[in-house]
Amino acid sequence: MQINYKIILLIFLILNLFIPLGMVPLFDLDEGAFSEATREMLKNGDFITTYLNGELRFDKPILIYWLQALSVTILGLNEFAFRFPSAVVGAIWVFGLFWFTKRYFDEKKAFLASFFLATSFQVNMISKAAIADSLLNMAIAFSMFFIWLYLDKRKKAYLYSAFAFIAVGVLTKGPVAIMIPLVVTFTYLLIKKELKLFFAMIFDLRGIAIFSIIALPWYILEYIDQGEKFIDGFLLKHNVNRFKGAFEGHTGSLFYYIPVLLVGLMPFTTYFIKFLKQFKNILKDSMSLFLIIWFLFVFIFFSFSGTKLPHYIIYGYTPIFIFMAFYFDRVDFYTIVPILLFFSLLLFFPEIISFAKVKKEYIKEMLEAVPNYFDIWYRLYLILATVSVLVVKFLKIDELKKVIAIGFIFLSIVNFVVFPRYAKIAQQPIKEAALIAKKKNYKVIMQGINTPSFMVYSQMLVQRREPKEGEILFTRKDYLKKIKKYKTIYSKYGIYLVKVIKK
């Protein structure tokens, strides 16, 4: 019986991408910030400039907010709606990789590449998050696909499509969507001694026109609206300064992205290691050279960047999945070792956490709640998943079916067992406190905590300042030491909503 690869991909995406969208509260800071900025956009009716808690927000360009606003308008103000655009473009990214890989290899390799992408721990997480990264990665991937197709086929339609997707990326996150295609293409054509072609590509007037029509109108309107504030806040603060120095404390060593890669590519990290072993042999092929330059540039550039965040390396993941598919042969014991180690860590997570030494009171309260959720049922699910992986490994079935089964098992545990439990401890109290504030129509002061999702759920702005007597305060346990007397309205796992009696 012939396998219908597209149907398997579609079923997988429905089960492990779309169904979990509304299962957990929005996570702070990023999901809460993006979602609240979208909520304020809809409330204010200002679709050019974004605000967070009533203050200008220049973190990202406008496109993701527009998509979230459209989704919320249709589906309502809920987690599913805020995350839905990311899931849609994540699915497009997966099927786009299938389409591109199939053009150069067989359908089986195309499926493997796209399945590895869909099951990747990091990719699956950002594709379910109400942030800009799924959209940006889709745009970068398609721009690189079309650049290669143009280099290979020399058809202008491919070049113009690349310009269009670069514009989408610029409208999503800014200059990084230009930098990656530009540097990778320049480096590749420099090695090939075809720099004349490079300059002909970037100065193509129709391509520039397509890019300008898509990307520039919002930038022009935003500059007209905000002037130098936009230049300073977006281009300088959130782009140039992120590379020059550690932004908001997000730093790391030169080797920061090595462990990120190994974990982020799970459950099939082993095939990435196999690809690394064949690195020298791959360089002989032009397409492989282009793909390797793509991955290496992202890895090296962000390794030297002052600001380091785990999701930056995902910009270079797409070509890796093609190589992983190319070097897939079978599911051996080494294939399942990373998964078994990961499941073992999860199985003993409550014990590991118990050894953590923390000083902050609110974290202590969170950790005390761990046994309540990571309970016997949690352990049984982990044991069952571990046994299932081992059974699949030794079953006498097609190797491709083993990969599919392992992918389903891995993400089922992550999406339906681990994350919902973590969310109930880390985010559910914030949502519950916000809903109480909304129901009671409290005017809330937020201090000692920064959780934008509170504003999303309460559907109100909050003042961030020291509270006065008689005011309602949303905070964490640690901050309450500064309040002499208060009445608790709500408290759970270190999160407090109180009325200040005496300051």
Protein backbone atom coordinates (compact mmCIF):
# COMPACT_ATOMS: atom_id res chain seq x y z
CA MET A 1 0.00 0.00 0.00
CA GLN A 2 1.46 3.33 -1.11
CA ILE A 3 1.88 6.00 1.56
CA ASN A 4 0.05 9.29 0.94
CA TYR A 5 2.70 11.62 2.31
CA LYS A 6 0.65 14.82 2.11
CA ILE A 7 -2.26 13.30 4.03
CA ILE A 8 0.09 12.11 6.78
CA LEU A 9 1.59 15.59 7.03
CA LEU A 10 -1.85 17.17 7.16
CA ILE A 11 -3.09 14.81 9.88
CA PHE A 12 0.10 15.37 11.86
CA LEU A 13 -0.26 19.16 11.64
CA ILE A 14 -3.91 19.07 12.68
CA LEU A 15 -3.18 16.89 15.72
CA ASN A 16 0.09 18.43 16.86
CA LEU A 17 -0.13 22.01 15.63
CA PHE A 18 -3.74 23.19 15.37
CA ILE A 19 -5.54 21.21 18.08
CA PRO A 20 -3.18 22.31 20.93
CA LEU A 21 -3.51 26.03 20.06
CA GLY A 22 -6.14 26.84 22.66
CA MET A 23 -5.17 24.31 25.31
CA VAL A 24 -2.90 26.52 27.42
CA PRO A 25 -2.91 30.20 28.45
CA LEU A 26 -0.72 32.75 26.69
CA PHE A 27 2.88 32.64 27.88
CA ASP A 28 4.68 35.74 29.09
CA LEU A 29 6.51 37.74 28.09
CA ASP A 30 6.39 37.37 24.31
CA GLU A 31 2.97 35.85 23.67
CA GLY A 32 1.39 38.18 26.19
CA ALA A 33 3.07 41.24 24.67
CA PHE A 34 2.17 40.43 21.05
CA SER A 35 -1.40 39.54 21.97
CA GLU A 36 -1.94 42.62 24.12
CA ALA A 37 -0.53 44.88 21.40
CA THR A 38 -3.01 43.29 18.97
CA ARG A 39 -5.88 43.75 21.44
CA GLU A 40 -5.00 47.43 21.87
CA MET A 41 -4.76 47.80 18.08
CA LEU A 42 -8.33 46.57 17.71
CA LYS A 43 -9.55 48.69 20.60
CA ASN A 44 -7.80 51.87 19.41
CA GLY A 45 -8.53 51.37 15.73
CA ASP A 46 -4.91 52.32 14.98
CA PHE A 47 -3.55 49.82 12.45
CA ILE A 48 -0.27 51.63 11.78
CA THR A 49 1.37 52.11 15.19
CA THR A 50 1.36 49.41 17.87
CA TYR A 51 1.05 50.06 21.59
CA LEU A 52 1.62 47.91 24.66
CA ASN A 53 -0.15 49.03 27.83
CA GLY A 54 -0.76 52.38 26.15
CA GLU A 55 2.92 52.96 25.37
CA LEU A 56 4.61 52.83 21.97
CA ARG A 57 5.87 49.35 21.01
CA PHE A 58 8.52 49.28 18.29
CA ASP A 59 9.73 45.71 18.82
CA LYS A 60 8.46 44.34 15.50
CA PRO A 61 6.91 45.60 12.25
CA ILE A 62 3.20 45.37 11.62
CA LEU A 63 2.35 42.21 9.66
CA ILE A 64 1.92 39.72 12.51
CA TYR A 65 -0.32 42.18 14.35
CA TRP A 66 -2.52 42.58 11.27
CA LEU A 67 -2.85 38.80 10.93
CA GLN A 68 -3.62 38.35 14.62
CA ALA A 69 -6.15 41.19 14.49
CA LEU A 70 -7.91 39.54 11.55
CA SER A 71 -7.92 36.18 13.33
CA VAL A 72 -9.28 37.65 16.58
CA THR A 73 -11.96 39.57 14.68
CA ILE A 74 -13.19 36.32 13.11
CA LEU A 75 -12.56 33.80 15.92
CA GLY A 76 -12.89 35.94 19.02
CA LEU A 77 -10.50 37.12 21.73
CA ASN A 78 -8.95 33.81 22.81
CA GLU A 79 -5.69 31.87 22.74
CA PHE A 80 -6.64 29.88 19.64
CA ALA A 81 -7.26 33.04 17.63
CA PHE A 82 -4.03 34.76 18.71
CA ARG A 83 -1.98 31.68 17.80
CA PHE A 84 -3.85 30.66 14.66
CA PRO A 85 -1.83 32.84 12.18
CA SER A 86 1.44 31.31 13.40
CA ALA A 87 0.04 27.80 12.93
CA VAL A 88 -1.19 28.58 9.41
CA VAL A 89 2.15 29.97 8.23
CA GLY A 90 3.91 27.11 10.06
CA ALA A 91 1.89 24.65 8.00
CA ILE A 92 2.70 26.61 4.82
CA TRP A 93 6.38 26.42 5.79
CA VAL A 94 6.13 22.62 6.18
CA PHE A 95 4.37 22.08 2.85
CA GLY A 96 6.67 24.61 1.19
CA LEU A 97 9.68 22.53 2.20
CA PHE A 98 7.91 19.44 0.83
CA TRP A 99 7.31 21.21 -2.50
CA PHE A 100 10.89 22.48 -2.78
CA THR A 101 12.59 19.22 -1.77
CA LYS A 102 10.42 17.16 -4.10
CA ARG A 103 11.64 19.25 -7.06
CA TYR A 104 15.18 17.98 -6.51
CA PHE A 105 14.74 14.63 -4.78
CA ASP A 106 12.05 11.98 -4.56
CA GLU A 107 8.78 12.26 -2.67
CA LYS A 108 10.04 10.16 0.23
CA LYS A 109 12.91 12.56 0.93
CA ALA A 110 10.53 15.50 0.55
CA PHE A 111 8.25 13.96 3.16
CA LEU A 112 11.12 13.23 5.55
CA ALA A 113 12.48 16.78 5.31
CA SER A 114 9.06 18.34 5.97
CA PHE A 115 8.25 15.79 8.70
CA PHE A 116 11.54 16.52 10.46
CA LEU A 117 10.63 20.21 10.26
CA ALA A 118 7.12 19.63 11.63
CA THR A 119 8.34 17.44 14.50
CA SER A 120 11.29 19.62 15.49
CA PHE A 121 10.86 20.64 19.12
CA GLN A 122 11.71 24.30 18.49
CA VAL A 123 9.79 24.65 15.24
CA ASN A 124 6.67 23.08 16.71
CA MET A 125 6.83 25.45 19.68
CA ILE A 126 7.19 28.69 17.68
CA SER A 127 4.53 27.55 15.19
CA LYS A 128 2.03 27.41 18.06
CA ALA A 129 3.09 30.71 19.62
CA ALA A 130 1.41 34.10 19.18
CA ILE A 131 4.67 35.74 18.08
CA ALA A 132 6.29 36.78 14.79
CA ASP A 133 8.85 34.00 14.39
CA SER A 134 6.80 31.39 12.54
CA LEU A 135 5.84 33.99 9.94
CA LEU A 136 9.41 35.24 9.63
CA ASN A 137 10.86 31.75 9.21
CA MET A 138 8.30 30.90 6.55
CA ALA A 139 9.20 34.10 4.66
CA ILE A 140 12.95 33.46 4.92
CA ALA A 141 12.55 29.84 3.81
CA PHE A 142 10.49 30.73 0.74
CA SER A 143 12.78 33.62 -0.22
CA MET A 144 15.75 31.22 -0.13
CA PHE A 145 13.85 28.54 -2.07
CA PHE A 146 13.07 30.99 -4.85
CA ILE A 147 16.59 32.44 -4.91
CA TRP A 148 17.98 28.96 -5.48
CA LEU A 149 15.36 28.20 -8.11
CA TYR A 150 16.35 31.36 -9.93
CA LEU A 151 20.06 30.49 -9.71
CA ASP A 152 19.26 27.03 -11.04
CA LYS A 153 16.61 27.81 -13.70
CA ARG A 154 17.26 31.53 -14.42
CA LYS A 155 13.54 32.30 -14.68
CA LYS A 156 12.65 35.82 -13.59
CA ALA A 157 9.40 34.69 -11.94
CA TYR A 158 11.47 32.93 -9.28
CA LEU A 159 13.55 36.05 -8.62
CA TYR A 160 10.44 38.21 -8.28
CA SER A 161 8.88 35.68 -5.91
CA ALA A 162 12.04 35.89 -3.78
CA PHE A 163 11.73 39.69 -3.65
CA ALA A 164 8.09 39.32 -2.56
CA PHE A 165 8.90 36.94 0.31
CA ILE A 166 11.83 39.08 1.44
CA ALA A 167 9.35 41.97 1.62
CA VAL A 168 6.99 39.83 3.71
CA GLY A 169 9.90 39.08 6.07
CA VAL A 170 10.82 42.77 6.32
CA LEU A 171 7.20 43.58 7.14
CA THR A 172 7.35 40.87 9.82
CA LYS A 173 10.65 41.48 11.60
CA GLY A 174 12.78 43.95 9.68
CA PRO A 175 16.32 43.93 8.23
CA VAL A 176 17.16 40.32 9.17
CA ALA A 177 14.86 39.17 6.34
CA ILE A 178 17.10 41.05 3.88
CA MET A 179 20.41 40.21 5.51
CA ILE A 180 20.17 36.42 5.37
CA PRO A 181 19.23 36.06 1.65
CA LEU A 182 21.65 38.85 0.69
CA VAL A 183 24.73 37.52 2.52
CA VAL A 184 24.09 33.86 1.63
CA THR A 185 23.59 34.64 -2.07
CA PHE A 186 26.64 36.93 -2.16
CA THR A 187 28.84 34.31 -0.47
CA TYR A 188 27.63 31.52 -2.77
CA LEU A 189 28.17 33.54 -5.97
CA LEU A 190 31.54 34.79 -4.68
CA ILE A 191 32.68 31.18 -4.31
CA LYS A 192 31.25 30.43 -7.76
CA LYS A 193 32.98 33.54 -9.18
CA GLU A 194 29.66 34.93 -10.46
CA LEU A 195 29.39 38.23 -8.62
CA LYS A 196 28.13 39.91 -11.78
CA LEU A 197 24.98 37.80 -11.46
CA PHE A 198 24.62 38.83 -7.82
CA PHE A 199 24.55 42.54 -8.63
CA ALA A 200 22.19 41.93 -11.56
CA MET A 201 19.82 40.18 -9.13
CA ILE A 202 19.78 42.77 -6.35
CA PHE A 203 19.45 45.71 -8.75
CA ASP A 204 16.64 44.20 -10.79
CA LEU A 205 14.17 47.09 -11.13
CA ARG A 206 11.01 44.96 -11.22
CA GLY A 207 12.17 43.03 -8.17
CA ILE A 208 12.88 46.27 -6.29
CA ALA A 209 9.44 47.55 -7.31
CA ILE A 210 7.73 44.39 -6.00
CA PHE A 211 9.64 44.65 -2.73
CA SER A 212 8.81 48.34 -2.38
CA ILE A 213 5.08 47.91 -3.06
CA ILE A 214 4.79 45.24 -0.36
CA ALA A 215 7.18 46.42 2.35
CA LEU A 216 7.62 50.18 2.16
CA PRO A 217 4.11 51.67 2.58
CA TRP A 218 3.86 50.76 6.27
CA TYR A 219 7.42 51.95 7.02
CA ILE A 220 6.66 55.29 5.36
CA LEU A 221 3.35 55.69 7.19
CA GLU A 222 4.94 54.74 10.51
CA TYR A 223 7.73 57.27 10.00
CA ILE A 224 5.17 59.95 9.13
CA ASP A 225 3.26 59.04 12.28
CA GLN A 226 6.17 58.70 14.73
CA GLY A 227 9.22 60.26 13.06
CA GLU A 228 12.53 59.86 14.88
CA LYS A 229 10.89 57.80 17.64
CA PHE A 230 10.41 55.05 15.07
CA ILE A 231 14.02 55.24 13.83
CA ASP A 232 15.43 55.19 17.36
CA GLY A 233 13.01 52.62 18.77
CA PHE A 234 12.88 50.12 15.89
CA LEU A 235 15.97 50.37 13.68
CA LEU A 236 18.51 51.32 16.34
CA LYS A 237 17.22 49.80 19.60
CA HIS A 238 15.63 46.58 18.34
CA ASN A 239 17.99 45.82 15.43
CA VAL A 240 21.46 47.41 15.61
CA ASN A 241 21.72 47.28 19.41
CA ARG A 242 20.67 43.62 19.54
CA PHE A 243 23.80 42.64 17.63
CA LYS A 244 26.15 45.08 19.34
CA GLY A 245 25.32 44.09 22.88
CA ALA A 246 23.20 41.86 25.11
CA PHE A 247 19.62 43.12 24.89
CA GLU A 248 17.40 42.75 27.99
CA GLY A 249 20.00 40.39 29.53
CA HIS A 250 19.80 37.83 26.70
CA THR A 251 23.43 36.85 26.32
CA GLY A 252 25.53 33.70 26.12
CA SER A 253 28.90 32.26 25.14
CA LEU A 254 30.20 31.66 21.63
CA PHE A 255 28.97 28.06 21.95
CA TYR A 256 25.46 29.05 23.03
CA TYR A 257 23.72 27.58 19.96
CA ILE A 258 25.35 24.13 20.08
CA PRO A 259 23.12 22.77 22.89
CA VAL A 260 20.20 24.76 21.45
CA LEU A 261 20.64 22.89 18.15
CA LEU A 262 20.86 19.48 19.80
CA VAL A 263 17.66 20.03 21.79
CA GLY A 264 15.83 22.10 19.18
CA LEU A 265 16.14 19.41 16.49
CA MET A 266 14.69 16.67 18.70
CA PRO A 267 13.41 14.03 18.34
CA PHE A 268 15.63 13.35 15.31
CA THR A 269 18.86 15.06 16.36
CA THR A 270 20.82 11.92 15.39
CA TYR A 271 20.26 12.55 11.68
CA PHE A 272 21.74 16.02 12.07
CA ILE A 273 24.87 14.46 13.56
CA LYS A 274 25.03 12.02 10.62
CA PHE A 275 24.86 15.00 8.27
CA LEU A 276 27.79 16.66 10.08
CA LYS A 277 29.89 13.53 9.55
CA GLN A 278 29.33 13.82 5.79
CA PHE A 279 30.01 17.56 5.71
CA LYS A 280 33.07 17.47 3.42
CA ASN A 281 31.41 15.21 0.85
CA ILE A 282 28.39 17.52 0.53
CA LEU A 283 30.42 20.58 -0.49
CA LYS A 284 31.01 19.14 -3.98
CA ASP A 285 27.38 19.77 -4.98
CA SER A 286 26.24 23.32 -5.87
CA MET A 287 22.82 23.13 -4.25
CA SER A 288 24.28 21.59 -1.10
CA LEU A 289 26.87 24.36 -0.98
CA PHE A 290 24.11 26.99 -1.12
CA LEU A 291 22.16 25.27 1.65
CA ILE A 292 25.23 24.84 3.85
CA ILE A 293 26.15 28.52 3.47
CA TRP A 294 22.59 29.36 4.55
CA PHE A 295 22.88 27.31 7.74
CA LEU A 296 26.46 28.31 8.56
CA PHE A 297 25.87 32.03 8.11
CA VAL A 298 22.93 32.00 10.53
CA PHE A 299 24.84 29.86 13.03
CA ILE A 300 28.03 31.98 12.91
CA PHE A 301 26.35 35.39 12.76
CA PHE A 302 24.10 34.83 15.76
CA SER A 303 26.87 33.07 17.69
CA PHE A 304 28.78 36.36 17.52
CA SER A 305 25.71 38.49 18.17
CA GLY A 306 25.60 40.29 21.51
CA THR A 307 21.97 39.30 22.04
CA LYS A 308 21.30 35.56 21.98
CA LEU A 309 17.87 33.97 22.02
CA PRO A 310 17.16 30.28 21.27
CA HIS A 311 14.82 30.98 18.35
CA TYR A 312 17.40 32.98 16.34
CA ILE A 313 19.08 29.76 15.17
CA ILE A 314 15.81 28.54 13.64
CA TYR A 315 16.42 30.95 10.72
CA GLY A 316 19.00 28.41 9.56
CA TYR A 317 17.08 25.21 10.32
CA THR A 318 15.28 24.69 7.00
CA PRO A 319 18.31 23.49 5.00
CA ILE A 320 19.31 21.17 7.86
CA PHE A 321 16.08 19.20 7.48
CA ILE A 322 16.83 18.60 3.80
CA PHE A 323 20.24 17.14 4.70
CA MET A 324 18.73 15.08 7.53
CA ALA A 325 16.27 13.58 5.05
CA PHE A 326 19.03 12.89 2.56
CA TYR A 327 21.11 10.96 5.10
CA PHE A 328 18.23 9.06 6.67
CA ASP A 329 18.64 5.31 6.29
CA ARG A 330 16.99 3.58 9.22
CA VAL A 331 15.88 3.91 12.83
CA ASP A 332 18.72 2.40 14.84
CA PHE A 333 19.36 2.49 18.57
CA TYR A 334 21.31 5.75 18.29
CA THR A 335 18.23 7.37 16.75
CA ILE A 336 16.17 6.87 19.89
CA VAL A 337 18.89 7.60 22.46
CA PRO A 338 18.18 11.39 22.57
CA ILE A 339 14.44 10.70 22.92
CA LEU A 340 14.96 8.19 25.72
CA LEU A 341 17.25 10.63 27.55
CA PHE A 342 14.72 13.42 27.12
CA PHE A 343 11.86 11.26 28.38
CA SER A 344 13.99 10.16 31.34
CA LEU A 345 14.63 13.77 32.33
CA LEU A 346 10.92 14.50 32.06
CA LEU A 347 10.04 11.39 34.05
CA PHE A 348 12.17 12.52 36.99
CA PHE A 349 11.41 16.22 36.55
CA PRO A 350 9.77 16.57 40.01
CA GLU A 351 12.85 15.06 41.69
CA ILE A 352 15.26 17.20 39.65
CA ILE A 353 13.30 20.34 40.53
CA SER A 354 13.33 19.45 44.23
CA PHE A 355 17.11 19.95 44.28
CA ALA A 356 16.84 23.47 42.85
CA LYS A 357 18.00 26.17 45.24
CA VAL A 358 16.01 29.36 44.73
CA LYS A 359 15.79 32.55 46.74
CA LYS A 360 12.67 34.13 45.25
CA GLU A 361 9.53 33.29 47.19
CA TYR A 362 7.20 33.17 44.20
CA ILE A 363 9.41 30.58 42.49
CA LYS A 364 9.41 28.49 45.67
CA GLU A 365 5.60 28.50 45.62
CA MET A 366 5.62 27.47 41.97
CA LEU A 367 7.99 24.60 42.65
CA GLU A 368 5.88 23.42 45.56
CA ALA A 369 3.01 22.96 43.11
CA VAL A 370 5.02 20.69 40.78
CA PRO A 371 4.06 17.37 42.49
CA ASN A 372 0.36 18.29 42.19
CA TYR A 373 0.51 18.27 38.39
CA PHE A 374 3.53 16.15 37.56
CA ASP A 375 1.84 13.26 39.33
CA ILE A 376 1.45 9.50 38.92
CA TRP A 377 -0.55 9.92 35.72
CA TYR A 378 2.19 12.11 34.29
CA ARG A 379 4.75 9.42 35.07
CA LEU A 380 2.59 6.69 33.57
CA TYR A 381 2.29 8.68 30.32
CA LEU A 382 6.08 9.06 30.21
CA ILE A 383 6.68 5.37 30.89
CA LEU A 384 4.14 4.40 28.25
CA ALA A 385 5.77 6.75 25.73
CA THR A 386 9.24 5.36 26.51
CA VAL A 387 8.06 1.77 26.10
CA SER A 388 6.25 2.71 22.88
CA VAL A 389 9.41 4.18 21.36
CA LEU A 390 11.34 1.02 22.20
CA VAL A 391 8.59 -1.20 20.76
CA VAL A 392 8.49 0.86 17.55
CA LYS A 393 12.27 0.55 17.22
CA PHE A 394 12.13 -3.27 17.28
CA LEU A 395 8.96 -3.75 15.24
CA LYS A 396 9.49 -5.36 11.85
CA ILE A 397 7.88 -2.58 9.85
CA ASP A 398 9.04 -0.10 7.24
CA GLU A 399 11.67 2.33 8.61
CA LEU A 400 9.65 5.33 7.44
CA LYS A 401 6.65 4.17 9.48
CA LYS A 402 8.92 3.99 12.52
CA VAL A 403 9.92 7.62 12.02
CA ILE A 404 6.28 8.67 11.74
CA ALA A 405 5.32 6.76 14.89
CA ILE A 406 8.21 8.20 16.90
CA GLY A 407 7.37 11.72 15.76
CA PHE A 408 3.76 11.30 16.90
CA ILE A 409 4.80 9.85 20.26
CA PHE A 410 7.33 12.60 20.96
CA LEU A 411 5.07 15.56 20.21
CA SER A 412 2.05 13.96 21.85
CA ILE A 413 4.00 13.90 25.13
CA VAL A 414 5.25 17.48 24.69
CA ASN A 415 1.94 18.99 23.56
CA PHE A 416 -0.61 17.05 25.60
CA VAL A 417 1.26 15.98 28.74
CA VAL A 418 4.18 18.28 29.59
CA PHE A 419 3.17 21.76 28.41
CA PRO A 420 -0.39 21.78 29.79
CA ARG A 421 0.95 20.88 33.23
CA TYR A 422 3.68 23.51 33.10
CA ALA A 423 1.14 26.11 31.92
CA LYS A 424 -1.19 25.39 34.85
CA ILE A 425 1.61 26.32 37.23
CA ALA A 426 3.30 29.17 35.38
CA GLN A 427 0.47 30.93 33.52
CA GLN A 428 -2.95 29.76 34.69
CA PRO A 429 -2.79 31.81 37.93
CA ILE A 430 -2.14 34.97 35.90
CA LYS A 431 -5.16 34.26 33.72
CA GLU A 432 -7.40 33.50 36.71
CA ALA A 433 -6.35 36.69 38.52
CA ALA A 434 -7.01 38.73 35.37
CA LEU A 435 -10.47 37.25 34.90
CA ILE A 436 -11.34 38.16 38.51
CA ALA A 437 -10.15 41.72 37.90
CA LYS A 438 -12.26 41.88 34.75
CA LYS A 439 -15.36 40.50 36.45
CA LYS A 440 -15.04 42.89 39.43
CA ASN A 441 -14.07 45.79 37.16
CA TYR A 442 -11.02 46.54 39.30
CA LYS A 443 -8.62 49.33 38.42
CA VAL A 444 -5.37 47.42 38.83
CA ILE A 445 -1.82 48.52 39.60
CA MET A 446 0.95 46.15 38.42
CA GLN A 447 4.25 46.21 40.25
CA GLY A 448 7.00 43.65 40.89
CA ILE A 449 5.82 41.61 37.92
CA ASN A 450 5.72 41.98 34.14
CA THR A 451 3.06 39.79 32.57
CA PRO A 452 1.28 41.41 29.60
CA SER A 453 -1.11 38.44 29.36
CA PHE A 454 -2.84 39.86 32.47
CA MET A 455 -3.94 42.81 30.33
CA VAL A 456 -5.14 40.52 27.55
CA TYR A 457 -7.40 38.51 29.87
CA SER A 458 -8.57 41.46 32.00
CA GLN A 459 -9.04 43.54 28.81
CA MET A 460 -7.73 46.63 30.54
CA LEU A 461 -4.56 48.68 30.78
CA VAL A 462 -2.70 48.72 34.07
CA GLN A 463 -0.53 51.36 35.70
CA ARG A 464 2.99 50.20 36.50
CA ARG A 465 3.97 52.07 39.67
CA GLU A 466 4.08 51.85 43.43
CA PRO A 467 0.54 51.23 44.78
CA LYS A 468 -1.29 53.53 47.16
CA GLU A 469 -3.54 52.60 50.07
CA GLY A 470 -6.93 51.35 48.87
CA GLU A 471 -5.69 50.33 45.42
CA ILE A 472 -5.82 46.86 43.85
CA LEU A 473 -2.34 45.45 43.24
CA PHE A 474 -1.31 42.59 40.96
CA THR A 475 2.12 41.26 41.88
CA ARG A 476 4.29 38.35 42.96
CA LYS A 477 4.83 37.16 46.52
CA ASP A 478 8.30 38.70 46.83
CA TYR A 479 7.00 42.22 46.32
CA LEU A 480 4.38 41.87 49.07
CA LYS A 481 7.16 42.23 51.65
CA LYS A 482 7.04 45.96 50.86
CA ILE A 483 3.33 46.19 51.77
CA LYS A 484 2.59 46.50 55.50
CA LYS A 485 -1.01 45.34 55.33
CA TYR A 486 -3.15 43.96 52.52
CA LYS A 487 -6.24 41.89 51.85
CA THR A 488 -5.78 38.95 49.53
CA ILE A 489 -8.34 38.77 46.72
CA TYR A 490 -6.62 35.92 44.87
CA SER A 491 -3.39 34.00 45.31
CA LYS A 492 -1.93 30.96 43.63
CA TYR A 493 1.64 29.70 43.10
CA GLY A 494 3.28 33.01 44.01
CA ILE A 495 0.83 35.20 42.04
CA TYR A 496 -1.22 37.66 44.09
CA LEU A 497 -4.11 40.03 43.50
CA VAL A 498 -4.53 42.11 46.68
CA LYS A 499 -6.10 45.25 48.05
CA VAL A 500 -3.51 47.46 49.72
CA ILE A 501 -4.68 48.39 53.23
CA LYS A 502 -1.54 50.08 54.53
CA LYS A 503 1.55 50.99 52.53
